[in-house]
């Protein structure tokens, strides 16, 4: 076999193997978007709601089509050493990117239930992307189904952030302070 034929055979084998590797890599199911997978922290915490199950529809009562009040949330498994909890709600399908609907911090780690339309005493409510210091429920454009992520993080400190703080301020403040976390995903399609 001539040298040029060997070289062409080598290139052909290389290209076939590269195509196989890419096909295997990209044919796998994508990983679930979870806090635990993103950070590698143990999945000790749990965030659930008696109003809806994970990866199910959020009842309209908790959206702009209903009473627009926060759903009840159960928190468990805060790690030892946690000094406070942070809770927020984000829309991951908003046209302009991730859109924050709710931002609360300095929740006592022993809190096991956040009741419907209520918050524990002593918490700080931040400024969501509606520029409100309150829960603003799911409200996607008519006909669109959006994913909403309720997330809770356990921190090793109580935050010294004022109520005019926004999500970017919170993200900066909790950097390297997270001990654990959990999320609850819901879907909502606005009424026509």
Protein backbone atom coordinates (compact mmCIF):
# COMPACT_ATOMS: atom_id res chain seq x y z
CA UNK A 1 0.00 0.00 0.00
CA UNK A 2 1.33 3.39 -0.90
CA UNK A 3 2.05 5.97 1.75
CA UNK A 4 -0.76 8.27 0.54
CA UNK A 5 -3.27 5.38 0.68
CA UNK A 6 -2.20 4.56 4.25
CA UNK A 7 -2.60 8.20 5.23
CA UNK A 8 -6.09 8.33 3.68
CA UNK A 9 -7.08 5.09 5.44
CA UNK A 10 -5.84 6.53 8.75
CA UNK A 11 -7.85 9.73 8.24
CA UNK A 12 -10.96 7.73 7.35
CA UNK A 13 -10.67 5.54 10.48
CA UNK A 14 -10.08 8.65 12.62
CA UNK A 15 -13.18 10.37 11.23
CA UNK A 16 -15.37 7.28 11.73
CA UNK A 17 -14.20 6.87 15.35
CA UNK A 18 -14.74 10.58 16.04
CA UNK A 19 -18.28 10.36 14.62
CA UNK A 20 -19.04 7.34 16.83
CA UNK A 21 -17.76 9.12 19.97
CA UNK A 22 -19.87 12.22 19.23
CA UNK A 23 -22.95 10.09 18.47
CA UNK A 24 -22.64 8.27 21.78
CA UNK A 25 -21.95 11.42 23.77
CA UNK A 26 -24.84 13.45 22.37
CA UNK A 27 -27.40 10.64 22.23
CA UNK A 28 -27.47 10.32 26.02
CA UNK A 29 -30.37 11.84 27.92
CA UNK A 30 -29.55 15.30 29.31
CA UNK A 31 -29.01 15.51 33.05
CA UNK A 32 -31.84 16.89 35.13
CA UNK A 33 -31.28 20.52 35.98
CA UNK A 34 -30.86 20.28 39.71
CA UNK A 35 -28.94 22.22 42.25
CA UNK A 36 -27.26 19.04 43.49
CA UNK A 37 -25.92 18.14 40.06
CA UNK A 38 -24.67 21.65 39.39
CA UNK A 39 -22.72 21.90 42.63
CA UNK A 40 -21.96 18.31 43.51
CA UNK A 41 -23.43 18.75 47.00
CA UNK A 42 -25.10 15.75 48.59
CA UNK A 43 -28.83 15.53 48.00
CA UNK A 44 -29.75 15.75 51.67
CA UNK A 45 -32.36 18.52 51.46
CA UNK A 46 -35.84 18.15 50.07
CA UNK A 47 -38.35 20.74 48.87
CA UNK A 48 -41.93 19.60 48.24
CA UNK A 49 -45.43 21.05 48.16
CA UNK A 50 -48.77 19.58 49.21
CA UNK A 51 -50.29 21.63 46.36
CA UNK A 52 -48.46 19.93 43.45
CA UNK A 53 -45.89 17.22 42.76
CA UNK A 54 -42.42 17.74 41.29
CA UNK A 55 -42.49 18.11 37.48
CA UNK A 56 -46.28 18.59 37.49
CA UNK A 57 -48.55 21.56 36.77
CA UNK A 58 -48.75 24.37 39.31
CA UNK A 59 -52.41 24.98 40.28
CA UNK A 60 -53.73 28.27 38.87
CA UNK A 61 -54.47 29.50 42.41
CA UNK A 62 -50.72 30.20 42.76
CA UNK A 63 -50.44 32.10 39.46
CA UNK A 64 -51.53 35.39 37.92
CA UNK A 65 -54.68 33.59 36.72
CA UNK A 66 -55.71 32.87 40.31
CA UNK A 67 -55.06 34.36 43.73
CA UNK A 68 -51.35 34.88 42.95
CA UNK A 69 -50.27 33.65 46.41
CA UNK A 70 -47.31 31.44 47.20
CA UNK A 71 -48.03 27.72 47.47
CA UNK A 72 -47.32 25.85 50.69
CA UNK A 73 -43.77 24.46 50.72
CA UNK A 74 -42.21 21.78 52.91
CA UNK A 75 -38.46 21.94 53.59
CA UNK A 76 -36.51 19.11 55.15
CA UNK A 77 -32.93 17.97 55.60
CA UNK A 78 -31.14 21.27 56.24
CA UNK A 79 -27.51 20.29 56.85
CA UNK A 80 -25.82 20.63 60.20
CA UNK A 81 -24.17 24.03 60.54
CA UNK A 82 -26.80 25.84 58.46
CA UNK A 83 -27.49 29.34 59.81
CA UNK A 84 -30.17 30.42 57.33
CA UNK A 85 -32.13 29.39 54.25
CA UNK A 86 -32.69 31.21 50.97
CA UNK A 87 -35.78 30.57 48.84
CA UNK A 88 -36.63 31.77 45.36
CA UNK A 89 -38.75 31.07 42.30
CA UNK A 90 -37.42 31.44 38.76
CA UNK A 91 -38.97 31.09 35.30
CA UNK A 92 -36.41 29.41 33.04
CA UNK A 93 -38.38 29.92 29.83
CA UNK A 94 -38.88 33.69 29.89
CA UNK A 95 -38.01 35.37 26.56
CA UNK A 96 -35.31 37.53 28.14
CA UNK A 97 -33.71 34.65 30.07
CA UNK A 98 -34.18 33.49 33.66
CA UNK A 99 -36.82 35.66 35.31
CA UNK A 100 -37.13 35.84 39.10
CA UNK A 101 -40.63 35.74 40.66
CA UNK A 102 -39.81 35.47 44.37
CA UNK A 103 -36.78 36.11 46.53
CA UNK A 104 -36.64 35.47 50.30
CA UNK A 105 -33.69 34.98 52.66
CA UNK A 106 -32.73 34.62 56.33
CA UNK A 107 -35.28 31.86 56.88
CA UNK A 108 -34.49 29.95 60.09
CA UNK A 109 -33.10 26.49 59.14
CA UNK A 110 -35.55 24.76 61.51
CA UNK A 111 -38.54 25.98 59.45
CA UNK A 112 -40.21 22.88 58.01
CA UNK A 113 -43.28 24.47 56.40
CA UNK A 114 -43.88 27.74 54.63
CA UNK A 115 -47.63 28.12 54.61
CA UNK A 116 -49.76 29.19 51.69
CA UNK A 117 -49.69 32.97 51.28
CA UNK A 118 -47.35 33.40 54.24
CA UNK A 119 -43.73 33.61 55.31
CA UNK A 120 -42.01 32.91 58.62
CA UNK A 121 -41.24 35.89 60.86
CA UNK A 122 -37.91 37.63 60.50
CA UNK A 123 -37.27 36.86 56.84
CA UNK A 124 -36.14 39.44 54.30
CA UNK A 125 -38.05 39.75 51.01
CA UNK A 126 -35.94 40.88 48.09
CA UNK A 127 -36.87 42.69 44.90
CA UNK A 128 -38.06 40.25 42.21
CA UNK A 129 -37.86 41.00 38.49
CA UNK A 130 -41.33 42.60 38.65
CA UNK A 131 -39.66 45.10 41.04
CA UNK A 132 -41.90 43.89 43.89
CA UNK A 133 -40.99 42.59 47.35
CA UNK A 134 -43.51 39.78 47.22
CA UNK A 135 -44.41 36.54 45.54
CA UNK A 136 -45.44 37.08 41.91
CA UNK A 137 -46.71 33.79 40.58
CA UNK A 138 -46.23 32.16 37.19
CA UNK A 139 -47.59 34.27 34.34
CA UNK A 140 -46.21 33.14 30.97
CA UNK A 141 -47.50 34.51 27.66
CA UNK A 142 -50.82 32.93 26.63
CA UNK A 143 -50.42 29.52 25.06
CA UNK A 144 -46.86 28.95 26.29
CA UNK A 145 -45.87 26.37 28.88
CA UNK A 146 -43.04 27.57 31.14
CA UNK A 147 -40.90 25.74 33.70
CA UNK A 148 -40.75 27.24 37.18
CA UNK A 149 -38.11 26.30 39.73
CA UNK A 150 -38.65 26.77 43.45
CA UNK A 151 -35.18 26.50 45.01
CA UNK A 152 -34.00 26.46 48.61
CA UNK A 153 -30.37 26.80 49.69
CA UNK A 154 -28.93 26.28 53.18
CA UNK A 155 -26.21 28.79 54.04
CA UNK A 156 -23.46 28.90 56.65
CA UNK A 157 -24.40 32.46 57.59
CA UNK A 158 -27.25 34.92 58.03
CA UNK A 159 -27.16 37.39 55.14
CA UNK A 160 -26.70 41.11 55.62
CA UNK A 161 -28.64 42.15 52.54
CA UNK A 162 -31.28 44.84 52.54
CA UNK A 163 -34.77 44.47 51.04
CA UNK A 164 -33.78 46.42 47.89
CA UNK A 165 -31.42 43.58 46.93
CA UNK A 166 -32.07 41.72 43.69
CA UNK A 167 -31.24 38.22 42.52
CA UNK A 168 -27.74 39.20 41.31
CA UNK A 169 -26.99 40.65 44.77
CA UNK A 170 -28.18 37.45 46.41
CA UNK A 171 -26.13 35.27 44.06
CA UNK A 172 -23.02 37.25 44.96
CA UNK A 173 -23.76 37.08 48.70
CA UNK A 174 -24.27 33.30 48.76
CA UNK A 175 -21.25 32.47 46.65
CA UNK A 176 -19.12 29.92 48.61
CA UNK A 177 -21.68 29.92 51.47
CA UNK A 178 -24.05 27.15 50.31
CA UNK A 179 -24.09 23.97 52.40
CA UNK A 180 -26.92 22.20 50.58
CA UNK A 181 -30.02 22.75 48.52
CA UNK A 182 -33.06 21.33 46.81
CA UNK A 183 -35.56 22.30 44.15
CA UNK A 184 -39.14 21.73 43.16
CA UNK A 185 -40.08 22.11 39.50
CA UNK A 186 -43.54 23.02 38.27
CA UNK A 187 -45.08 23.86 34.91
CA UNK A 188 -47.72 26.39 34.02
CA UNK A 189 -49.64 27.42 30.92
CA UNK A 190 -51.57 30.68 31.27
CA UNK A 191 -55.30 30.70 30.58
CA UNK A 192 -56.22 32.33 27.26
